[in-house]
Protein backbone atom coordinates (compact mmCIF):
# COMPACT_ATOMS: atom_id res chain seq x y z
CA MET A 1 70.10 110.73 63.61
CA ASP A 2 72.03 111.72 66.56
CA ASN A 3 75.56 110.43 66.35
CA LYS A 4 77.29 110.92 69.68
CA THR A 5 80.82 109.88 70.18
CA SER A 6 82.22 108.64 73.44
CA LYS A 7 83.61 112.09 74.15
CA ASP A 8 80.19 113.68 73.78
CA VAL A 9 78.55 111.43 76.35
CA VAL A 10 79.41 112.35 79.89
CA ALA A 11 79.10 109.29 82.03
CA LYS A 12 77.76 109.72 85.52
CA PRO A 13 80.00 108.16 88.08
CA LYS A 14 78.40 105.08 89.56
CA ILE A 15 78.34 105.04 93.31
CA HIS A 16 78.62 101.60 94.77
CA ALA A 17 76.24 100.46 97.46
CA LYS A 18 79.01 100.25 100.07
CA THR A 19 80.17 103.78 99.35
CA GLU A 20 76.62 105.03 99.46
CA ALA A 21 76.03 103.31 102.80
CA ARG A 22 79.29 104.74 104.16
CA LEU A 23 78.30 108.26 103.11
CA LYS A 24 74.88 107.86 104.67
CA ALA A 25 76.44 106.62 107.92
CA GLN A 26 78.82 109.60 107.97
CA GLN A 27 75.92 111.99 107.47
CA GLU A 28 73.99 110.32 110.30
CA ARG A 29 77.01 110.56 112.64
CA ALA A 30 77.41 114.25 111.74
CA ALA A 31 73.73 114.87 112.49
CA ILE A 32 74.07 113.08 115.84
CA ARG A 33 77.16 115.15 116.68
CA ARG A 34 75.30 118.37 115.88
CA SER A 35 72.33 117.36 118.02
CA ASP A 36 74.70 116.34 120.84
CA TRP A 37 76.37 119.74 120.73
CA ALA A 38 72.95 121.40 120.90
CA LYS A 39 72.13 119.27 123.96
CA PHE A 40 75.47 120.14 125.58
CA ILE A 41 74.84 123.83 124.99
CA LEU A 42 71.33 123.50 126.45
CA ALA A 43 72.80 121.77 129.51
CA ALA A 44 75.35 124.56 129.96
CA VAL A 45 72.63 127.19 129.60
CA LEU A 46 70.58 125.46 132.31
CA VAL A 47 73.53 125.44 134.71
CA VAL A 48 74.29 129.10 134.00
CA ALA A 49 70.61 130.01 134.39
CA GLY A 50 70.49 128.23 137.74
CA VAL A 51 73.54 130.10 139.02
CA TYR A 52 72.17 133.38 137.65
CA GLY A 53 68.83 132.74 139.35
CA PHE A 54 70.62 132.11 142.65
CA TYR A 55 72.32 135.50 142.57
CA ALA A 56 69.62 137.51 140.78
CA LEU A 57 66.90 136.63 143.30
CA ALA A 58 69.01 137.34 146.38
CA ALA A 59 66.68 140.08 147.63
CA GLN A 60 63.39 138.28 146.95
CA LEU A 61 63.98 134.71 148.18
CA PRO A 62 65.74 133.10 151.13
CA VAL A 63 69.00 131.27 150.49
CA TYR A 64 67.59 127.76 150.92
CA VAL A 65 65.00 128.41 148.20
CA ARG A 66 67.54 130.09 145.92
CA ALA A 67 69.88 127.11 146.34
CA LEU A 68 67.35 125.02 144.46
CA PHE A 69 67.98 126.95 141.23
CA PRO A 70 71.57 125.76 140.66
CA VAL A 71 70.73 122.28 141.96
CA VAL A 72 67.84 121.94 139.51
CA GLY A 73 70.01 123.34 136.71
CA VAL A 74 72.81 120.86 137.36
CA VAL A 75 70.42 117.89 137.71
CA ALA A 76 68.67 118.84 134.47
CA ALA A 77 72.04 119.23 132.74
CA ILE A 78 73.17 115.79 133.96
CA LEU A 79 69.94 114.24 132.72
CA ILE A 80 70.29 115.90 129.33
CA VAL A 81 73.92 114.90 128.92
CA PHE A 82 73.76 111.34 130.23
CA ARG A 83 70.27 110.30 129.11
CA TRP A 84 69.53 112.18 125.90
CA SER A 85 72.90 112.56 124.18
CA SER A 86 74.60 109.68 122.42
CA ALA A 87 77.97 110.54 123.96
CA GLY A 88 76.48 110.43 127.46
CA ARG A 89 74.67 107.16 126.76
CA GLY A 90 77.93 105.72 125.46
CA LEU A 91 79.77 106.82 128.60
CA SER A 92 77.03 105.38 130.80
CA ALA A 93 77.20 102.07 128.92
CA TYR A 94 80.99 102.04 129.27
CA VAL A 95 80.80 102.58 133.04
CA LYS A 96 78.10 99.91 133.37
CA ASP A 97 80.17 97.42 131.36
CA SER A 98 83.30 98.27 133.34
CA THR A 99 81.58 97.63 136.66
CA ALA A 100 80.23 94.33 135.31
CA GLU A 101 83.75 93.30 134.30
CA LEU A 102 85.11 94.42 137.68
CA ARG A 103 82.67 92.06 139.40
CA LYS A 104 84.15 89.18 137.38
CA VAL A 105 87.67 89.77 138.73
CA VAL A 106 88.93 87.09 141.09
CA TRP A 107 90.81 88.88 143.83
CA PRO A 108 93.65 87.07 145.63
CA ASP A 109 93.20 85.99 149.23
CA ARG A 110 95.24 87.38 152.11
CA ALA A 111 97.88 84.63 152.07
CA GLU A 112 98.50 84.95 148.34
CA THR A 113 98.72 88.73 148.63
CA ALA A 114 101.29 88.46 151.43
CA ARG A 115 103.31 85.87 149.48
CA MET A 116 103.36 88.02 146.33
CA THR A 117 104.29 91.11 148.34
CA LEU A 118 107.27 89.31 149.89
CA PHE A 119 108.28 88.06 146.45
CA VAL A 120 108.23 91.58 145.04
CA LEU A 121 110.22 92.96 147.99
CA ALA A 122 112.83 90.21 147.63
CA PHE A 123 113.11 90.78 143.87
CA VAL A 124 113.48 94.54 144.30
CA SER A 125 116.16 94.02 146.97
CA VAL A 126 118.17 91.65 144.75
CA LEU A 127 117.83 94.02 141.81
CA ALA A 128 118.96 96.98 143.95
CA LEU A 129 122.02 95.02 145.13
CA PHE A 130 122.84 94.09 141.53
CA ILE A 131 122.58 97.69 140.33
CA TRP A 132 124.67 98.91 143.28
CA GLY A 133 127.32 96.28 142.53
CA ALA A 134 127.40 97.07 138.83
CA ASP A 135 127.64 100.81 139.55
CA SER A 136 130.45 100.26 142.03
CA LEU A 137 132.35 98.05 139.58
CA ILE A 138 131.99 100.54 136.74
CA SER A 139 132.96 103.42 139.03
CA TRP A 140 136.06 101.53 140.26
CA LEU A 141 137.08 100.60 136.69
CA PHE A 142 136.56 104.07 135.31
CA PHE A 143 137.97 106.24 138.10
CA ASP A 144 140.57 104.02 139.74
CA VAL A 145 141.91 101.84 136.93
CA LEU A 146 141.51 103.95 133.79
CA MET A 147 141.96 107.45 135.19
CA LYS A 148 144.35 106.33 137.99
CA ARG A 149 142.76 108.45 140.72
CA GLY A 150 142.88 107.56 144.36
């Protein structure tokens, strides 16, 4: 018979389903980040290759044909970044959602804008007068009354 005590048996730690799911999600996010970095590097290489092609083929091709190299490189890089990477898709979705929210804004009419502008100007003027008065009072108390100058 095999008599094992509790010290002899090494218990495997049980991983809960939530922890397992969290670890799997972290691994997936790390894989997406790595693939995004590869896409960003590819986009940068395309831009650099386009610029290099523009200058390297200066003797063989006219300038209007050579200008296509950097343009194609930049367009390809934009497509890679904003269509194929998750960060670019997220940014595109954010911009799309922001423009949709901007369309929902109710802008004030001309009369309301003028009324609010006059209100702000009046409030700033009153506040400026108050600050000037308080500064003058403090200056008079400090310099004239307490220090007995002037």
